Structures are given as C-alpha cells and as structure tokens.
Amino acid sequence: MSDLANKKCTPCEGNIPPFSADEIHKYLKKVDGWEVLEDKIDGFHLLKSFKFDNFLKSQEFVNKVGEIAESEGHHPDLWFGWGYARIKIFTHAIKGLAESDFILAAKIDQISNV
C-alpha cells in the first residue's frame, strides 16, 4: 500500500502541531480502510474495526497489535471481544494526528491482511 509500514514511529512530546485536514487526507490515502473522526477530547483520530471468526482470533490480533505498539513506542486504544477488534490511534501529546499515527496504522494493516 505505501512505504509507511517501513518507517519507525517517532516519539512526540507535544513539540509539533497536529496535522491539518489537508495533511490528514494526504496520509489517509496511504492506509487501508481507516476512518478519521474528531471529538472534543482527542481531536482528530484514526479508527478502524476488524472482524474475526471467534474470540481467540480477536485476542491473537490484539496481542500482535500490542507487540507492534510496544516496539514502536506508540500505543493505540484497543477494544476487542468475540469476533471483533477496534483500534483508535492518535497522538495524545498534540491531541491530533501526526505521521507516526499513520505509520502505526500501516503496520497494523500488514498484520490484518495475513
């Protein structure tokens, strides 16, 4: 899909501005099936739902996401249960989106297509 999955997430301590709507739309084309939503608490964020055949497959997927998140130092919000997982990604320090959010989404897309 894109070269984003080959990049490394960069820790953000709030020293950059969040992406503008134009930047978000540019990067959104580089990931597969992620929605961009906005709320008053987190600003813009990426959201995607995944479906699985059973609870165990959902749990295995979430565990793989957790391994990627830990290795990248970038941690999404995760919800899962029988046959589903839902992931929310944003950069807490800037209350919005940055390149690392899309990098993490691209890495998650790689494991969801296996």
PDB file of N, CA and C in Angstrom:
ATOM      1  N   MET A   1       0.835  -1.196   0.000  1.00  0.00           N
ATOM      2  CA  MET A   1       0.000   0.000   0.000  1.00  0.00           C
ATOM      3  C   MET A   1       0.870   1.246   0.000  1.00  0.00           C
ATOM      4  N   SER A   2       1.810   1.331   0.927  1.00  0.00           N
ATOM      5  CA  SER A   2       2.684   2.505   0.965  1.00  0.00           C
ATOM      6  C   SER A   2       3.970   2.142   1.685  1.00  0.00           C
ATOM      7  N   ASP A   3       4.890   3.064   1.705  1.00  0.00           N
ATOM      8  CA  ASP A   3       6.148   2.828   2.407  1.00  0.00           C
ATOM      9  C   ASP A   3       6.050   3.169   3.890  1.00  0.00           C
ATOM     10  N   LEU A   4       4.893   3.588   4.348  1.00  0.00           N
ATOM     11  CA  LEU A   4       4.742   3.962   5.756  1.00  0.00           C
ATOM     12  C   LEU A   4       5.088   2.820   6.701  1.00  0.00           C
ATOM     13  N   ALA A   5       4.715   1.597   6.332  1.00  0.00           N
ATOM     14  CA  ALA A   5       4.951   0.455   7.210  1.00  0.00           C
ATOM     15  C   ALA A   5       6.440   0.187   7.420  1.00  0.00           C
ATOM     16  N   ASN A   6       7.286   0.717   6.551  1.00  0.00           N
ATOM     17  CA  ASN A   6       8.730   0.528   6.691  1.00  0.00           C
ATOM     18  C   ASN A   6       9.383   1.597   7.550  1.00  0.00           C
ATOM     19  N   LYS A   7       8.621   2.609   7.939  1.00  0.00           N
ATOM     20  CA  LYS A   7       9.161   3.683   8.765  1.00  0.00           C
ATOM     21  C   LYS A   7       9.021   3.343  10.243  1.00  0.00           C
ATOM     22  N   LYS A   8       9.669   4.112  11.071  1.00  0.00           N
ATOM     23  CA  LYS A   8       9.626   3.941  12.534  1.00  0.00           C
ATOM     24  C   LYS A   8       8.856   5.111  13.145  1.00  0.00           C
ATOM     25  N   CYS A   9       7.991   4.835  14.099  1.00  0.00           N
ATOM     26  CA  CYS A   9       7.278   5.898  14.806  1.00  0.00           C
ATOM     27  C   CYS A   9       8.276   6.757  15.578  1.00  0.00           C
ATOM     28  N   THR A  10       8.029   8.041  15.587  1.00  0.00           N
ATOM     29  CA  THR A  10       8.873   8.990  16.303  1.00  0.00           C
ATOM     30  C   THR A  10       8.128   9.471  17.536  1.00  0.00           C
ATOM     31  N   PRO A  11       8.712   9.330  18.719  1.00  0.00           N
ATOM     32  CA  PRO A  11       8.024   9.803  19.921  1.00  0.00           C
ATOM     33  C   PRO A  11       7.719  11.301  19.824  1.00  0.00           C
ATOM     34  N   CYS A  12       6.545  11.667  20.287  1.00  0.00           N
ATOM     35  CA  CYS A  12       6.135  13.066  20.249  1.00  0.00           C
ATOM     36  C   CYS A  12       5.888  13.541  21.675  1.00  0.00           C
ATOM     37  N   GLU A  13       6.505  14.642  22.010  1.00  0.00           N
ATOM     38  CA  GLU A  13       6.324  15.223  23.336  1.00  0.00           C
ATOM     39  C   GLU A  13       5.530  16.521  23.270  1.00  0.00           C
ATOM     40  N   GLY A  14       4.820  16.709  22.170  1.00  0.00           N
ATOM     41  CA  GLY A  14       3.984  17.899  22.046  1.00  0.00           C
ATOM     42  C   GLY A  14       4.680  19.064  21.392  1.00  0.00           C
ATOM     43  N   ASN A  15       5.848  18.820  20.813  1.00  0.00           N
ATOM     44  CA  ASN A  15       6.632  19.899  20.232  1.00  0.00           C
ATOM     45  C   ASN A  15       6.357  20.135  18.744  1.00  0.00           C
ATOM     46  N   ILE A  16       5.295  19.509  18.221  1.00  0.00           N
ATOM     47  CA  ILE A  16       4.906  19.716  16.828  1.00  0.00           C
ATOM     48  C   ILE A  16       3.406  20.000  16.780  1.00  0.00           C
ATOM     49  N   PRO A  17       2.945  20.684  15.740  1.00  0.00           N
ATOM     50  CA  PRO A  17       1.498  20.881  15.611  1.00  0.00           C
ATOM     51  C   PRO A  17       0.848  19.621  15.042  1.00  0.00           C
ATOM     52  N   PRO A  18      -0.421  19.383  15.340  1.00  0.00           N
ATOM     53  CA  PRO A  18      -1.109  18.253  14.713  1.00  0.00           C
ATOM     54  C   PRO A  18      -1.286  18.514  13.226  1.00  0.00           C
ATOM     55  N   PHE A  19      -1.470  17.448  12.476  1.00  0.00           N
ATOM     56  CA  PHE A  19      -1.704  17.563  11.039  1.00  0.00           C
ATOM     57  C   PHE A  19      -2.932  18.419  10.755  1.00  0.00           C
ATOM     58  N   SER A  20      -2.872  19.169   9.682  1.00  0.00           N
ATOM     59  CA  SER A  20      -4.032  19.908   9.166  1.00  0.00           C
ATOM     60  C   SER A  20      -4.932  18.912   8.432  1.00  0.00           C
ATOM     61  N   ALA A  21      -6.134  19.344   8.076  1.00  0.00           N
ATOM     62  CA  ALA A  21      -7.060  18.482   7.326  1.00  0.00           C
ATOM     63  C   ALA A  21      -6.433  18.043   6.012  1.00  0.00           C
ATOM     64  N   ASP A  22      -5.714  18.921   5.333  1.00  0.00           N
ATOM     65  CA  ASP A  22      -5.059  18.563   4.069  1.00  0.00           C
ATOM     66  C   ASP A  22      -4.018  17.468   4.274  1.00  0.00           C
ATOM     67  N   GLU A  23      -3.212  17.591   5.310  1.00  0.00           N
ATOM     68  CA  GLU A  23      -2.195  16.574   5.597  1.00  0.00           C
ATOM     69  C   GLU A  23      -2.849  15.244   5.951  1.00  0.00           C
ATOM     70  N   ILE A  24      -3.923  15.302   6.725  1.00  0.00           N
ATOM     71  CA  ILE A  24      -4.645  14.077   7.105  1.00  0.00           C
ATOM     72  C   ILE A  24      -5.143  13.358   5.858  1.00  0.00           C
ATOM     73  N   HIS A  25      -5.764  14.082   4.942  1.00  0.00           N
ATOM     74  CA  HIS A  25      -6.308  13.452   3.730  1.00  0.00           C
ATOM     75  C   HIS A  25      -5.202  12.883   2.851  1.00  0.00           C
ATOM     76  N   LYS A  26      -4.067  13.544   2.802  1.00  0.00           N
ATOM     77  CA  LYS A  26      -2.917  13.043   2.035  1.00  0.00           C
ATOM     78  C   LYS A  26      -2.450  11.693   2.593  1.00  0.00           C
ATOM     79  N   TYR A  27      -2.307  11.611   3.913  1.00  0.00           N
ATOM     80  CA  TYR A  27      -1.835  10.377   4.546  1.00  0.00           C
ATOM     81  C   TYR A  27      -2.907   9.299   4.587  1.00  0.00           C
ATOM     82  N   LEU A  28      -4.153   9.681   4.663  1.00  0.00           N
ATOM     83  CA  LEU A  28      -5.244   8.704   4.723  1.00  0.00           C
ATOM     84  C   LEU A  28      -5.265   7.827   3.473  1.00  0.00           C
ATOM     85  N   LYS A  29      -4.808   8.358   2.359  1.00  0.00           N
ATOM     86  CA  LYS A  29      -4.743   7.592   1.112  1.00  0.00           C
ATOM     87  C   LYS A  29      -3.681   6.497   1.177  1.00  0.00           C
ATOM     88  N   LYS A  30      -2.794   6.566   2.156  1.00  0.00           N
ATOM     89  CA  LYS A  30      -1.684   5.617   2.266  1.00  0.00           C
ATOM     90  C   LYS A  30      -1.984   4.455   3.199  1.00  0.00           C
ATOM     91  N   VAL A  31      -3.152   4.465   3.848  1.00  0.00           N
ATOM     92  CA  VAL A  31      -3.551   3.366   4.733  1.00  0.00           C
ATOM     93  C   VAL A  31      -4.880   2.810   4.247  1.00  0.00           C
ATOM     94  N   ASP A  32      -5.221   1.628   4.725  1.00  0.00           N
ATOM     95  CA  ASP A  32      -6.364   0.900   4.181  1.00  0.00           C
ATOM     96  C   ASP A  32      -7.568   0.876   5.125  1.00  0.00           C
ATOM     97  N   GLY A  33      -8.601   1.612   4.780  1.00  0.00           N
ATOM     98  CA  GLY A  33      -9.873   1.493   5.480  1.00  0.00           C
ATOM     99  C   GLY A  33      -9.990   2.182   6.824  1.00  0.00           C
ATOM    100  N   TRP A  34      -9.069   3.066   7.149  1.00  0.00           N
ATOM    101  CA  TRP A  34      -9.145   3.793   8.412  1.00  0.00           C
ATOM    102  C   TRP A  34     -10.053   5.007   8.241  1.00  0.00           C
ATOM    103  N   GLU A  35     -10.862   5.273   9.265  1.00  0.00           N
ATOM    104  CA  GLU A  35     -11.710   6.471   9.296  1.00  0.00           C
ATOM    105  C   GLU A  35     -10.997   7.552  10.092  1.00  0.00           C
ATOM    106  N   VAL A  36     -11.282   8.784   9.761  1.00  0.00           N
ATOM    107  CA  VAL A  36     -10.815   9.905  10.564  1.00  0.00           C
ATOM    108  C   VAL A  36     -12.027  10.516  11.232  1.00  0.00           C
ATOM    109  N   LEU A  37     -11.992  10.580  12.541  1.00  0.00           N
ATOM    110  CA  LEU A  37     -13.070  11.177  13.317  1.00  0.00           C
ATOM    111  C   LEU A  37     -12.475  12.271  14.194  1.00  0.00           C
ATOM    112  N   GLU A  38     -13.324  13.157  14.652  1.00  0.00           N
ATOM    113  CA  GLU A  38     -12.881  14.228  15.535  1.00  0.00           C
ATOM    114  C   GLU A  38     -13.814  14.306  16.730  1.00  0.00           C
ATOM    115  N   ASP A  39     -13.229  14.489  17.893  1.00  0.00           N
ATOM    116  CA  ASP A  39     -14.040  14.765  19.072  1.00  0.00           C
ATOM    117  C   ASP A  39     -13.355  15.847  19.905  1.00  0.00           C
ATOM    118  N   LYS A  40     -14.085  16.353  20.868  1.00  0.00           N
ATOM    119  CA  LYS A  40     -13.584  17.471  21.670  1.00  0.00           C
ATOM    120  C   LYS A  40     -12.457  17.070  22.608  1.00  0.00           C
ATOM    121  N   ILE A  41     -12.358  15.802  22.942  1.00  0.00           N
ATOM    122  CA  ILE A  41     -11.344  15.341  23.887  1.00  0.00           C
ATOM    123  C   ILE A  41     -10.023  15.032  23.182  1.00  0.00           C
ATOM    124  N   ASP A  42     -10.072  14.242  22.118  1.00  0.00           N
ATOM    125  CA  ASP A  42      -8.856  13.759  21.467  1.00  0.00           C
ATOM    126  C   ASP A  42      -8.518  14.469  20.161  1.00  0.00           C
ATOM    127  N   GLY A  43      -9.359  15.352  19.690  1.00  0.00           N
ATOM    128  CA  GLY A  43      -9.138  15.962  18.381  1.00  0.00           C
ATOM    129  C   GLY A  43      -9.343  14.929  17.286  1.00  0.00           C
ATOM    130  N   PHE A  44      -8.606  15.055  16.188  1.00  0.00           N
ATOM    131  CA  PHE A  44      -8.703  14.069  15.111  1.00  0.00           C
ATOM    132  C   PHE A  44      -8.012  12.784  15.524  1.00  0.00           C
ATOM    133  N   HIS A  45      -8.612  11.655  15.135  1.00  0.00           N
ATOM    134  CA  HIS A  45      -8.009  10.359  15.403  1.00  0.00           C
ATOM    135  C   HIS A  45      -8.397   9.373  14.309  1.00  0.00           C
ATOM    136  N   LEU A  46      -7.612   8.322  14.195  1.00  0.00           N
ATOM    137  CA  LEU A  46      -7.885   7.235  13.258  1.00  0.00           C
ATOM    138  C   LEU A  46      -8.647   6.144  13.981  1.00  0.00           C
ATOM    139  N   LEU A  47      -9.592   5.538  13.286  1.00  0.00           N
ATOM    140  CA  LEU A  47     -10.395   4.477  13.876  1.00  0.00           C
ATOM    141  C   LEU A  47     -10.636   3.400  12.824  1.00  0.00           C
ATOM    142  N   LYS A  48     -10.499   2.144  13.241  1.00  0.00           N
ATOM    143  CA  LYS A  48     -10.783   1.038  12.325  1.00  0.00           C
ATOM    144  C   LYS A  48     -11.297  -0.151  13.115  1.00  0.00           C
ATOM    145  N   SER A  49     -12.276  -0.842  12.519  1.00  0.00           N
ATOM    146  CA  SER A  49     -12.831  -2.058  13.108  1.00  0.00           C
ATOM    147  C   SER A  49     -12.390  -3.264  12.297  1.00  0.00           C
ATOM    148  N   PHE A  50     -12.129  -4.356  12.987  1.00  0.00           N
ATOM    149  CA  PHE A  50     -11.695  -5.597  12.363  1.00  0.00           C
ATOM    150  C   PHE A  50     -12.641  -6.708  12.814  1.00  0.00           C
ATOM    151  N   LYS A  51     -12.917  -7.663  11.917  1.00  0.00           N
ATOM    152  CA  LYS A  51     -13.796  -8.792  12.240  1.00  0.00           C
ATOM    153  C   LYS A  51     -12.999 -10.084  12.191  1.00  0.00           C
ATOM    154  N   PHE A  52     -13.363 -11.001  13.100  1.00  0.00           N
ATOM    155  CA  PHE A  52     -12.678 -12.285  13.206  1.00  0.00           C
ATOM    156  C   PHE A  52     -13.714 -13.386  13.414  1.00  0.00           C
ATOM    157  N   ASP A  53     -13.267 -14.637  13.281  1.00  0.00           N
ATOM    158  CA  ASP A  53     -14.179 -15.777  13.391  1.00  0.00           C
ATOM    159  C   ASP A  53     -14.555 -16.135  14.820  1.00  0.00           C
ATOM    160  N   ASN A  54     -13.732 -15.699  15.785  1.00  0.00           N
ATOM    161  CA  ASN A  54     -14.018 -16.083  17.162  1.00  0.00           C
ATOM    162  C   ASN A  54     -13.228 -15.193  18.127  1.00  0.00           C
ATOM    163  N   PHE A  55     -13.382 -15.440  19.393  1.00  0.00           N
ATOM    164  CA  PHE A  55     -12.715 -14.645  20.422  1.00  0.00           C
ATOM    165  C   PHE A  55     -11.202 -14.813  20.357  1.00  0.00           C
ATOM    166  N   LEU A  56     -10.740 -16.041  20.210  1.00  0.00           N
ATOM    167  CA  LEU A  56      -9.307 -16.304  20.224  1.00  0.00           C
ATOM    168  C   LEU A  56      -8.579 -15.559  19.101  1.00  0.00           C
ATOM    169  N   LYS A  57      -9.156 -15.538  17.911  1.00  0.00           N
ATOM    170  CA  LYS A  57      -8.522 -14.823  16.798  1.00  0.00           C
ATOM    171  C   LYS A  57      -8.491 -13.314  17.064  1.00  0.00           C
ATOM    172  N   SER A  58      -9.537 -12.789  17.680  1.00  0.00           N
ATOM    173  CA  SER A  58      -9.535 -11.371  18.060  1.00  0.00           C
ATOM    174  C   SER A  58      -8.430 -11.090  19.057  1.00  0.00           C
ATOM    175  N   GLN A  59      -8.304 -11.973  20.047  1.00  0.00           N
ATOM    176  CA  GLN A  59      -7.286 -11.799  21.079  1.00  0.00           C
ATOM    177  C   GLN A  59      -5.877 -11.905  20.493  1.00  0.00           C
ATOM    178  N   GLU A  60      -5.667 -12.859  19.610  1.00  0.00           N
ATOM    179  CA  GLU A  60      -4.354 -13.010  18.976  1.00  0.00           C
ATOM    180  C   GLU A  60      -3.989 -11.754  18.185  1.00  0.00           C
ATOM    181  N   PHE A  61      -4.953 -11.196  17.454  1.00  0.00           N
ATOM    182  CA  PHE A  61      -4.721  -9.976  16.692  1.00  0.00           C
ATOM    183  C   PHE A  61      -4.352  -8.815  17.611  1.00  0.00           C
ATOM    184  N   VAL A  62      -5.112  -8.643  18.675  1.00  0.00           N
ATOM    185  CA  VAL A  62      -4.845  -7.551  19.619  1.00  0.00           C
ATOM    186  C   VAL A  62      -3.470  -7.729  20.268  1.00  0.00           C
ATOM    187  N   ASN A  63      -3.083  -8.959  20.559  1.00  0.00           N
ATOM    188  CA  ASN A  63      -1.753  -9.199  21.118  1.00  0.00           C
ATOM    189  C   ASN A  63      -0.658  -8.808  20.124  1.00  0.00           C
ATOM    190  N   LYS A  64      -0.859  -9.101  18.837  1.00  0.00           N
ATOM    191  CA  LYS A  64       0.111  -8.698  17.814  1.00  0.00           C
ATOM    192  C   LYS A  64       0.177  -7.175  17.710  1.00  0.00           C
ATOM    193  N   VAL A  65      -0.978  -6.524  17.769  1.00  0.00           N
ATOM    194  CA  VAL A  65      -1.009  -5.059  17.748  1.00  0.00           C
ATOM    195  C   VAL A  65      -0.232  -4.522  18.949  1.00  0.00           C
ATOM    196  N   GLY A  66      -0.432  -5.135  20.100  1.00  0.00           N
ATOM    197  CA  GLY A  66       0.290  -4.722  21.307  1.00  0.00           C
ATOM    198  C   GLY A  66       1.794  -4.853  21.158  1.00  0.00           C
ATOM    199  N   GLU A  67       2.251  -5.921  20.518  1.00  0.00           N
ATOM    200  CA  GLU A  67       3.687  -6.107  20.290  1.00  0.00           C
ATOM    201  C   GLU A  67       4.240  -5.014  19.379  1.00  0.00           C
ATOM    202  N   ILE A  68       3.514  -4.700  18.321  1.00  0.00           N
ATOM    203  CA  ILE A  68       3.935  -3.629  17.406  1.00  0.00           C
ATOM    204  C   ILE A  68       3.950  -2.302  18.146  1.00  0.00           C
ATOM    205  N   ALA A  69       2.894  -2.025  18.885  1.00  0.00           N
ATOM    206  CA  ALA A  69       2.787  -0.756  19.611  1.00  0.00           C
ATOM    207  C   ALA A  69       3.957  -0.591  20.581  1.00  0.00           C
ATOM    208  N   GLU A  70       4.281  -1.647  21.287  1.00  0.00           N
ATOM    209  CA  GLU A  70       5.380  -1.574  22.258  1.00  0.00           C
ATOM    210  C   GLU A  70       6.715  -1.360  21.555  1.00  0.00           C
ATOM    211  N   SER A  71       6.926  -2.057  20.431  1.00  0.00           N
ATOM    212  CA  SER A  71       8.201  -1.904  19.720  1.00  0.00           C
ATOM    213  C   SER A  71       8.318  -0.517  19.081  1.00  0.00           C
ATOM    214  N   GLU A  72       7.194   0.090  18.742  1.00  0.00           N
ATOM    215  CA  GLU A  72       7.198   1.423  18.137  1.00  0.00           C
ATOM    216  C   GLU A  72       7.134   2.541  19.178  1.00  0.00           C
ATOM    217  N   GLY A  73       6.810   2.193  20.406  1.00  0.00           N
ATOM    218  CA  GLY A  73       6.655   3.212  21.438  1.00  0.00           C
ATOM    219  C   GLY A  73       5.461   4.114  21.198  1.00  0.00           C
ATOM    220  N   HIS A  74       4.447   3.568  20.528  1.00  0.00           N
ATOM    221  CA  HIS A  74       3.248   4.339  20.185  1.00  0.00           C
ATOM    222  C   HIS A  74       2.048   3.443  20.449  1.00  0.00           C
ATOM    223  N   HIS A  75       1.198   3.820  21.394  1.00  0.00           N
ATOM    224  CA  HIS A  75       0.194   2.911  21.924  1.00  0.00           C
ATOM    225  C   HIS A  75      -1.223   3.357  21.595  1.00  0.00           C
ATOM    226  N   PRO A  76      -1.940   2.556  20.805  1.00  0.00           N
ATOM    227  CA  PRO A  76      -3.324   2.893  20.456  1.00  0.00           C
ATOM    228  C   PRO A  76      -4.288   2.481  21.570  1.00  0.00           C
ATOM    229  N   ASP A  77      -5.506   2.951  21.457  1.00  0.00           N
ATOM    230  CA  ASP A  77      -6.584   2.471  22.315  1.00  0.00           C
ATOM    231  C   ASP A  77      -7.176   1.250  21.624  1.00  0.00           C
ATOM    232  N   LEU A  78      -7.396   0.184  22.382  1.00  0.00           N
ATOM    233  CA  LEU A  78      -7.876  -1.084  21.830  1.00  0.00           C
ATOM    234  C   LEU A  78      -9.129  -1.549  22.551  1.00  0.00           C
ATOM    235  N   TRP A  79     -10.073  -2.058  21.771  1.00  0.00           N
ATOM    236  CA  TRP A  79     -11.251  -2.727  22.305  1.00  0.00           C
ATOM    237  C   TRP A  79     -11.379  -4.028  21.527  1.00  0.00           C
ATOM    238  N   PHE A  80     -11.717  -5.116  22.217  1.00  0.00           N
ATOM    239  CA  PHE A  80     -11.942  -6.358  21.483  1.00  0.00           C
ATOM    240  C   PHE A  80     -12.868  -7.265  22.272  1.00  0.00           C
ATOM    241  N   GLY A  81     -13.428  -8.205  21.560  1.00  0.00           N
ATOM    242  CA  GLY A  81     -14.312  -9.199  22.145  1.00  0.00           C
ATOM    243  C   GLY A  81     -14.526 -10.309  21.138  1.00  0.00           C
ATOM    244  N   TRP A  82     -15.590 -11.048  21.307  1.00  0.00           N
ATOM    245  CA  TRP A  82     -15.850 -12.186  20.436  1.00  0.00           C
ATOM    246  C   TRP A  82     -16.042 -11.696  18.995  1.00  0.00           C
ATOM    247  N   GLY A  83     -15.063 -12.009  18.140  1.00  0.00           N
ATOM    248  CA  GLY A  83     -15.180 -11.745  16.712  1.00  0.00           C
ATOM    249  C   GLY A  83     -14.891 -10.324  16.260  1.00  0.00           C
ATOM    250  N   TYR A  84     -14.377  -9.481  17.139  1.00  0.00           N
ATOM    251  CA  TYR A  84     -14.103  -8.112  16.698  1.00  0.00           C
ATOM    252  C   TYR A  84     -12.929  -7.499  17.456  1.00  0.00           C
ATOM    253  N   ALA A  85     -12.349  -6.511  16.830  1.00  0.00           N
ATOM    254  CA  ALA A  85     -11.373  -5.635  17.477  1.00  0.00           C
ATOM    255  C   ALA A  85     -11.576  -4.253  16.877  1.00  0.00           C
ATOM    256  N   ARG A  86     -11.345  -3.249  17.683  1.00  0.00           N
ATOM    257  CA  ARG A  86     -11.490  -1.865  17.241  1.00  0.00           C
ATOM    258  C   ARG A  86     -10.272  -1.106  17.749  1.00  0.00           C
ATOM    259  N   ILE A  87      -9.688  -0.286  16.885  1.00  0.00           N
ATOM    260  CA  ILE A  87      -8.456   0.415  17.233  1.00  0.00           C
ATOM    261  C   ILE A  87      -8.618   1.908  16.971  1.00  0.00           C
ATOM    262  N   LYS A  88      -8.173   2.686  17.941  1.00  0.00           N
ATOM    263  CA  LYS A  88      -8.171   4.146  17.839  1.00  0.00           C
ATOM    264  C   LYS A  88      -6.730   4.618  18.006  1.00  0.00           C
ATOM    265  N   ILE A  89      -6.265   5.407  17.037  1.00  0.00           N
ATOM    266  CA  ILE A  89      -4.887   5.896  17.062  1.00  0.00           C
ATOM    267  C   ILE A  89      -4.893   7.415  16.977  1.00  0.00           C
ATOM    268  N   PHE A  90      -4.131   8.038  17.855  1.00  0.00           N
ATOM    269  CA  PHE A  90      -3.870   9.477  17.772  1.00  0.00           C
ATOM    270  C   PHE A  90      -2.669   9.778  18.655  1.00  0.00           C
ATOM    271  N   THR A  91      -2.154  10.975  18.531  1.00  0.00           N
ATOM    272  CA  THR A  91      -1.012  11.372  19.340  1.00  0.00           C
ATOM    273  C   THR A  91      -1.523  12.200  20.510  1.00  0.00           C
ATOM    274  N   HIS A  92      -1.499  11.603  21.680  1.00  0.00           N
ATOM    275  CA  HIS A  92      -2.038  12.239  22.881  1.00  0.00           C
ATOM    276  C   HIS A  92      -1.421  13.611  23.143  1.00  0.00           C
ATOM    277  N   ALA A  93      -0.114  13.728  22.959  1.00  0.00           N
ATOM    278  CA  ALA A  93       0.603  14.966  23.317  1.00  0.00           C
ATOM    279  C   ALA A  93       0.179  16.171  22.495  1.00  0.00           C
ATOM    280  N   ILE A  94      -0.359  15.927  21.289  1.00  0.00           N
ATOM    281  CA  ILE A  94      -0.786  17.056  20.451  1.00  0.00           C
ATOM    282  C   ILE A  94      -2.297  17.050  20.213  1.00  0.00           C
ATOM    283  N   LYS A  95      -2.976  16.070  20.819  1.00  0.00           N
ATOM    284  CA  LYS A  95      -4.431  15.932  20.651  1.00  0.00           C
ATOM    285  C   LYS A  95      -4.812  16.011  19.175  1.00  0.00           C
ATOM    286  N   GLY A  96      -4.189  15.142  18.409  1.00  0.00           N
ATOM    287  CA  GLY A  96      -4.443  15.106  16.971  1.00  0.00           C
ATOM    288  C   GLY A  96      -3.594  14.044  16.311  1.00  0.00           C
ATOM    289  N   LEU A  97      -3.432  14.194  15.004  1.00  0.00           N
ATOM    290  CA  LEU A  97      -2.712  13.209  14.212  1.00  0.00           C
ATOM    291  C   LEU A  97      -1.373  13.734  13.726  1.00  0.00           C
ATOM    292  N   ALA A  98      -0.411  12.816  13.648  1.00  0.00           N
ATOM    293  CA  ALA A  98       0.917  13.084  13.119  1.00  0.00           C
ATOM    294  C   ALA A  98       1.325  11.883  12.263  1.00  0.00           C
ATOM    295  N   GLU A  99       2.461  11.979  11.609  1.00  0.00           N
ATOM    296  CA  GLU A  99       2.884  10.891  10.722  1.00  0.00           C
ATOM    297  C   GLU A  99       2.959   9.554  11.457  1.00  0.00           C
ATOM    298  N   SER A 100       3.418   9.538  12.687  1.00  0.00           N
ATOM    299  CA  SER A 100       3.555   8.280  13.429  1.00  0.00           C
ATOM    300  C   SER A 100       2.229   7.540  13.568  1.00  0.00           C
ATOM    301  N   ASP A 101       1.131   8.258  13.629  1.00  0.00           N
ATOM    302  CA  ASP A 101      -0.180   7.605  13.722  1.00  0.00           C
ATOM    303  C   ASP A 101      -0.467   6.797  12.462  1.00  0.00           C
ATOM    304  N   PHE A 102      -0.107   7.353  11.321  1.00  0.00           N
ATOM    305  CA  PHE A 102      -0.324   6.664  10.055  1.00  0.00           C
ATOM    306  C   PHE A 102       0.683   5.531   9.868  1.00  0.00           C
ATOM    307  N   ILE A 103       1.882   5.694  10.389  1.00  0.00           N
ATOM    308  CA  ILE A 103       2.869   4.618  10.359  1.00  0.00           C
ATOM    309  C   ILE A 103       2.343   3.424  11.147  1.00  0.00           C
ATOM    310  N   LEU A 104       1.831   3.672  12.348  1.00  0.00           N
ATOM    311  CA  LEU A 104       1.281   2.594  13.163  1.00  0.00           C
ATOM    312  C   LEU A 104       0.093   1.937  12.458  1.00  0.00           C
ATOM    313  N   ALA A 105      -0.789   2.722  11.855  1.00  0.00           N
ATOM    314  CA  ALA A 105      -1.934   2.172  11.121  1.00  0.00           C
ATOM    315  C   ALA A 105      -1.459   1.269   9.988  1.00  0.00           C
ATOM    316  N   ALA A 106      -0.437   1.687   9.251  1.00  0.00           N
ATOM    317  CA  ALA A 106       0.091   0.883   8.142  1.00  0.00           C
ATOM    318  C   ALA A 106       0.681  -0.427   8.645  1.00  0.00           C
ATOM    319  N   LYS A 107       1.349  -0.398   9.777  1.00  0.00           N
ATOM    320  CA  LYS A 107       1.918  -1.615  10.354  1.00  0.00           C
ATOM    321  C   LYS A 107       0.800  -2.557  10.804  1.00  0.00           C
ATOM    322  N   ILE A 108      -0.260  -2.013  11.356  1.00  0.00           N
ATOM    323  CA  ILE A 108      -1.409  -2.835  11.762  1.00  0.00           C
ATOM    324  C   ILE A 108      -2.091  -3.432  10.534  1.00  0.00           C
ATOM    325  N   ASP A 109      -2.202  -2.658   9.461  1.00  0.00           N
ATOM    326  CA  ASP A 109      -2.782  -3.177   8.231  1.00  0.00           C
ATOM    327  C   ASP A 109      -2.012  -4.396   7.729  1.00  0.00           C
ATOM    328  N   GLN A 110      -0.706  -4.393   7.881  1.00  0.00           N
ATOM    329  CA  GLN A 110       0.095  -5.532   7.420  1.00  0.00           C
ATOM    330  C   GLN A 110      -0.278  -6.814   8.149  1.00  0.00           C
ATOM    331  N   ILE A 111      -0.504  -6.748   9.444  1.00  0.00           N
ATOM    332  CA  ILE A 111      -0.831  -7.982  10.168  1.00  0.00           C
ATOM    333  C   ILE A 111      -2.291  -8.374   9.988  1.00  0.00           C
ATOM    334  N   SER A 112      -3.157  -7.406   9.663  1.00  0.00           N
ATOM    335  CA  SER A 112      -4.577  -7.744   9.480  1.00  0.00           C
ATOM    336  C   SER A 112      -4.819  -8.416   8.130  1.00  0.00           C
ATOM    337  N   ASN A 113      -3.866  -8.284   7.219  1.00  0.00           N
ATOM    338  CA  ASN A 113      -4.010  -8.885   5.881  1.00  0.00           C
ATOM    339  C   ASN A 113      -3.365 -10.260   5.782  1.00  0.00           C
ATOM    340  N   VAL A 114      -2.872 -10.775   6.901  1.00  0.00           N
ATOM    341  CA  VAL A 114      -2.188 -12.071   6.877  1.00  0.00           C
ATOM    342  C   VAL A 114      -3.181 -13.210   6.994  1.00  0.00           C
TER     343      VAL A 114
END
